[in-house]
């Protein structure tokens, strides 16, 4: 059976950020948006309560971002409580307006948005410990 290629949801986000040459990476059934070395957004359309545009931020910025985006909330699939990732839910009345606004903030290099991902750990070579032994 041939795998069906899904299109990136909320494609207007890519159009809005085009000037920054964003990089799009498929990630866990969603699409991560990188600008430079920072992940800034995840676009997710899974037909559940966490579908929408996820904002990469940190807890110290939540209050000020909540003033700009009243419908913003923590991701629920990560459990109860506040999470670093925040979502603009796709079922919010102000969804498209808010997403366009967050794109404007990214275009202006707003320091509240974006995270530099932790480097991936290198896979260890289990035979590496024997490479120095003379056989």
C-alpha atoms as a PDB file:
ATOM      1  CA  UNK A   1       0.000   0.000   0.000  1.00  0.00           C
ATOM      2  CA  UNK A   2       1.336   3.399  -0.956  1.00  0.00           C
ATOM      3  CA  UNK A   3       1.802   5.891   1.891  1.00  0.00           C
ATOM      4  CA  UNK A   4      -0.270   9.048   1.475  1.00  0.00           C
ATOM      5  CA  UNK A   5       1.752  12.248   1.847  1.00  0.00           C
ATOM      6  CA  UNK A   6      -0.094  14.665   4.108  1.00  0.00           C
ATOM      7  CA  UNK A   7       0.169  18.361   3.462  1.00  0.00           C
ATOM      8  CA  UNK A   8       1.384  20.808   6.068  1.00  0.00           C
ATOM      9  CA  UNK A   9      -1.634  22.211   7.949  1.00  0.00           C
ATOM     10  CA  UNK A  10      -2.125  25.954   8.333  1.00  0.00           C
ATOM     11  CA  UNK A  11       0.069  26.649   5.311  1.00  0.00           C
ATOM     12  CA  UNK A  12      -0.495  30.390   5.756  1.00  0.00           C
ATOM     13  CA  UNK A  13       2.042  30.201   8.611  1.00  0.00           C
ATOM     14  CA  UNK A  14       4.769  29.213   6.147  1.00  0.00           C
ATOM     15  CA  UNK A  15       3.706  32.037   3.838  1.00  0.00           C
ATOM     16  CA  UNK A  16       3.835  34.530   6.734  1.00  0.00           C
ATOM     17  CA  UNK A  17       7.338  33.424   7.748  1.00  0.00           C
ATOM     18  CA  UNK A  18       8.692  33.042   4.206  1.00  0.00           C
ATOM     19  CA  UNK A  19      11.055  36.037   4.557  1.00  0.00           C
ATOM     20  CA  UNK A  20      12.891  34.192   7.366  1.00  0.00           C
ATOM     21  CA  UNK A  21      13.474  31.086   5.206  1.00  0.00           C
ATOM     22  CA  UNK A  22      11.806  28.701   7.678  1.00  0.00           C
ATOM     23  CA  UNK A  23      12.726  25.023   7.778  1.00  0.00           C
ATOM     24  CA  UNK A  24       9.841  22.559   8.076  1.00  0.00           C
ATOM     25  CA  UNK A  25      10.415  19.152   9.639  1.00  0.00           C
ATOM     26  CA  UNK A  26       7.865  16.388  10.074  1.00  0.00           C
ATOM     27  CA  UNK A  27       7.715  15.503  13.753  1.00  0.00           C
ATOM     28  CA  UNK A  28       5.377  13.049  15.500  1.00  0.00           C
ATOM     29  CA  UNK A  29       2.559  13.522  12.992  1.00  0.00           C
ATOM     30  CA  UNK A  30       2.923  17.295  13.073  1.00  0.00           C
ATOM     31  CA  UNK A  31       5.291  19.824  11.501  1.00  0.00           C
ATOM     32  CA  UNK A  32       7.968  21.731  13.376  1.00  0.00           C
ATOM     33  CA  UNK A  33       8.917  25.182  12.092  1.00  0.00           C
ATOM     34  CA  UNK A  34      12.499  26.305  12.626  1.00  0.00           C
ATOM     35  CA  UNK A  35      13.901  29.771  12.066  1.00  0.00           C
ATOM     36  CA  UNK A  36      17.665  29.701  12.190  1.00  0.00           C
ATOM     37  CA  UNK A  37      18.674  27.397  15.039  1.00  0.00           C
ATOM     38  CA  UNK A  38      15.405  27.841  16.958  1.00  0.00           C
ATOM     39  CA  UNK A  39      12.219  25.841  16.853  1.00  0.00           C
ATOM     40  CA  UNK A  40       9.443  28.435  16.960  1.00  0.00           C
ATOM     41  CA  UNK A  41       6.183  26.643  16.178  1.00  0.00           C
ATOM     42  CA  UNK A  42       4.613  23.251  15.620  1.00  0.00           C
ATOM     43  CA  UNK A  43       1.649  22.943  13.266  1.00  0.00           C
ATOM     44  CA  UNK A  44      -0.643  20.126  14.387  1.00  0.00           C
ATOM     45  CA  UNK A  45      -3.989  18.994  12.991  1.00  0.00           C
ATOM     46  CA  UNK A  46      -4.975  15.738  14.680  1.00  0.00           C
ATOM     47  CA  UNK A  47      -8.663  16.511  15.244  1.00  0.00           C
ATOM     48  CA  UNK A  48      -8.210  16.698  19.009  1.00  0.00           C
ATOM     49  CA  UNK A  49      -8.088  19.429  21.657  1.00  0.00           C
ATOM     50  CA  UNK A  50      -4.375  20.110  21.157  1.00  0.00           C
ATOM     51  CA  UNK A  51      -4.670  20.701  17.414  1.00  0.00           C
ATOM     52  CA  UNK A  52      -3.590  24.123  16.318  1.00  0.00           C
ATOM     53  CA  UNK A  53      -0.345  26.054  16.403  1.00  0.00           C
ATOM     54  CA  UNK A  54       2.032  25.239  19.240  1.00  0.00           C
ATOM     55  CA  UNK A  55       4.302  28.038  20.421  1.00  0.00           C
ATOM     56  CA  UNK A  56       7.821  27.250  21.644  1.00  0.00           C
ATOM     57  CA  UNK A  57       8.260  29.379  24.744  1.00  0.00           C
ATOM     58  CA  UNK A  58       9.120  29.143  28.429  1.00  0.00           C
ATOM     59  CA  UNK A  59       6.938  29.571  31.524  1.00  0.00           C
ATOM     60  CA  UNK A  60       8.355  33.001  32.406  1.00  0.00           C
ATOM     61  CA  UNK A  61       6.827  34.377  29.185  1.00  0.00           C
ATOM     62  CA  UNK A  62       3.368  32.836  29.535  1.00  0.00           C
ATOM     63  CA  UNK A  63       1.699  35.760  31.316  1.00  0.00           C
ATOM     64  CA  UNK A  64       2.830  38.367  28.805  1.00  0.00           C
ATOM     65  CA  UNK A  65       1.984  36.111  25.844  1.00  0.00           C
ATOM     66  CA  UNK A  66      -1.436  35.392  27.362  1.00  0.00           C
ATOM     67  CA  UNK A  67      -2.094  39.156  27.229  1.00  0.00           C
ATOM     68  CA  UNK A  68      -1.401  39.061  23.490  1.00  0.00           C
ATOM     69  CA  UNK A  69      -3.154  35.716  22.878  1.00  0.00           C
ATOM     70  CA  UNK A  70      -6.147  35.229  25.212  1.00  0.00           C
ATOM     71  CA  UNK A  71      -6.991  31.794  23.771  1.00  0.00           C
ATOM     72  CA  UNK A  72      -3.443  30.460  24.357  1.00  0.00           C
ATOM     73  CA  UNK A  73      -3.130  27.600  26.842  1.00  0.00           C
ATOM     74  CA  UNK A  74      -0.822  24.752  27.834  1.00  0.00           C
ATOM     75  CA  UNK A  75      -0.718  21.574  25.776  1.00  0.00           C
ATOM     76  CA  UNK A  76      -2.982  18.979  27.425  1.00  0.00           C
ATOM     77  CA  UNK A  77      -1.455  15.808  25.967  1.00  0.00           C
ATOM     78  CA  UNK A  78       1.624  16.381  28.135  1.00  0.00           C
ATOM     79  CA  UNK A  79      -0.476  15.995  31.290  1.00  0.00           C
ATOM     80  CA  UNK A  80      -2.068  18.423  33.685  1.00  0.00           C
ATOM     81  CA  UNK A  81      -0.431  21.646  34.678  1.00  0.00           C
ATOM     82  CA  UNK A  82       1.526  24.281  32.845  1.00  0.00           C
ATOM     83  CA  UNK A  83       3.872  23.221  30.062  1.00  0.00           C
ATOM     84  CA  UNK A  84       6.591  25.135  28.229  1.00  0.00           C
ATOM     85  CA  UNK A  85       4.768  24.532  24.957  1.00  0.00           C
ATOM     86  CA  UNK A  86       1.631  26.592  24.532  1.00  0.00           C
ATOM     87  CA  UNK A  87      -1.089  26.138  21.907  1.00  0.00           C
ATOM     88  CA  UNK A  88      -3.313  28.443  19.943  1.00  0.00           C
ATOM     89  CA  UNK A  89      -6.196  25.970  19.554  1.00  0.00           C
ATOM     90  CA  UNK A  90      -7.576  25.664  16.031  1.00  0.00           C
ATOM     91  CA  UNK A  91     -11.143  25.758  17.362  1.00  0.00           C
ATOM     92  CA  UNK A  92     -10.651  29.187  19.022  1.00  0.00           C
ATOM     93  CA  UNK A  93     -12.693  32.031  17.548  1.00  0.00           C
ATOM     94  CA  UNK A  94      -9.550  34.130  17.112  1.00  0.00           C
ATOM     95  CA  UNK A  95      -7.344  31.312  15.767  1.00  0.00           C
ATOM     96  CA  UNK A  96      -6.262  32.740  12.421  1.00  0.00           C
ATOM     97  CA  UNK A  97      -5.902  36.273  13.788  1.00  0.00           C
ATOM     98  CA  UNK A  98      -3.778  35.013  16.706  1.00  0.00           C
ATOM     99  CA  UNK A  99      -1.605  32.839  14.470  1.00  0.00           C
ATOM    100  CA  UNK A 100      -0.954  35.747  12.120  1.00  0.00           C
ATOM    101  CA  UNK A 101      -0.068  37.854  15.153  1.00  0.00           C
ATOM    102  CA  UNK A 102       2.395  35.262  16.514  1.00  0.00           C
ATOM    103  CA  UNK A 103       4.011  35.152  13.066  1.00  0.00           C
ATOM    104  CA  UNK A 104       4.428  38.948  13.256  1.00  0.00           C
ATOM    105  CA  UNK A 105       6.184  38.501  16.609  1.00  0.00           C
ATOM    106  CA  UNK A 106       8.524  35.880  15.109  1.00  0.00           C
ATOM    107  CA  UNK A 107       9.294  38.186  12.178  1.00  0.00           C
ATOM    108  CA  UNK A 108      10.305  40.845  14.737  1.00  0.00           C
ATOM    109  CA  UNK A 109      12.523  38.334  16.618  1.00  0.00           C
ATOM    110  CA  UNK A 110      10.398  38.455  19.767  1.00  0.00           C
ATOM    111  CA  UNK A 111      12.576  36.886  22.485  1.00  0.00           C
ATOM    112  CA  UNK A 112       9.579  35.178  24.101  1.00  0.00           C
ATOM    113  CA  UNK A 113       9.139  32.816  21.161  1.00  0.00           C
ATOM    114  CA  UNK A 114      11.555  30.089  20.150  1.00  0.00           C
ATOM    115  CA  UNK A 115      13.803  27.525  21.773  1.00  0.00           C
ATOM    116  CA  UNK A 116      17.142  26.120  20.756  1.00  0.00           C
ATOM    117  CA  UNK A 117      16.672  22.335  20.822  1.00  0.00           C
ATOM    118  CA  UNK A 118      19.016  20.253  22.914  1.00  0.00           C
ATOM    119  CA  UNK A 119      21.650  18.518  20.781  1.00  0.00           C
ATOM    120  CA  UNK A 120      20.892  14.909  19.925  1.00  0.00           C
ATOM    121  CA  UNK A 121      22.965  12.366  21.784  1.00  0.00           C
ATOM    122  CA  UNK A 122      25.350  10.417  19.606  1.00  0.00           C
ATOM    123  CA  UNK A 123      24.701   6.707  19.435  1.00  0.00           C
ATOM    124  CA  UNK A 124      27.386   4.841  21.294  1.00  0.00           C
ATOM    125  CA  UNK A 125      29.439   2.275  19.505  1.00  0.00           C
ATOM    126  CA  UNK A 126      29.213  -0.849  21.660  1.00  0.00           C
ATOM    127  CA  UNK A 127      32.307  -2.236  19.968  1.00  0.00           C
ATOM    128  CA  UNK A 128      34.162   1.028  20.467  1.00  0.00           C
ATOM    129  CA  UNK A 129      35.496  -0.093  23.823  1.00  0.00           C
ATOM    130  CA  UNK A 130      37.376  -2.909  22.086  1.00  0.00           C
ATOM    131  CA  UNK A 131      38.811  -0.833  19.226  1.00  0.00           C
ATOM    132  CA  UNK A 132      42.045  -0.126  21.099  1.00  0.00           C
ATOM    133  CA  UNK A 133      42.785  -3.738  21.987  1.00  0.00           C
ATOM    134  CA  UNK A 134      45.374  -5.603  19.964  1.00  0.00           C
ATOM    135  CA  UNK A 135      43.980  -8.883  18.717  1.00  0.00           C
END
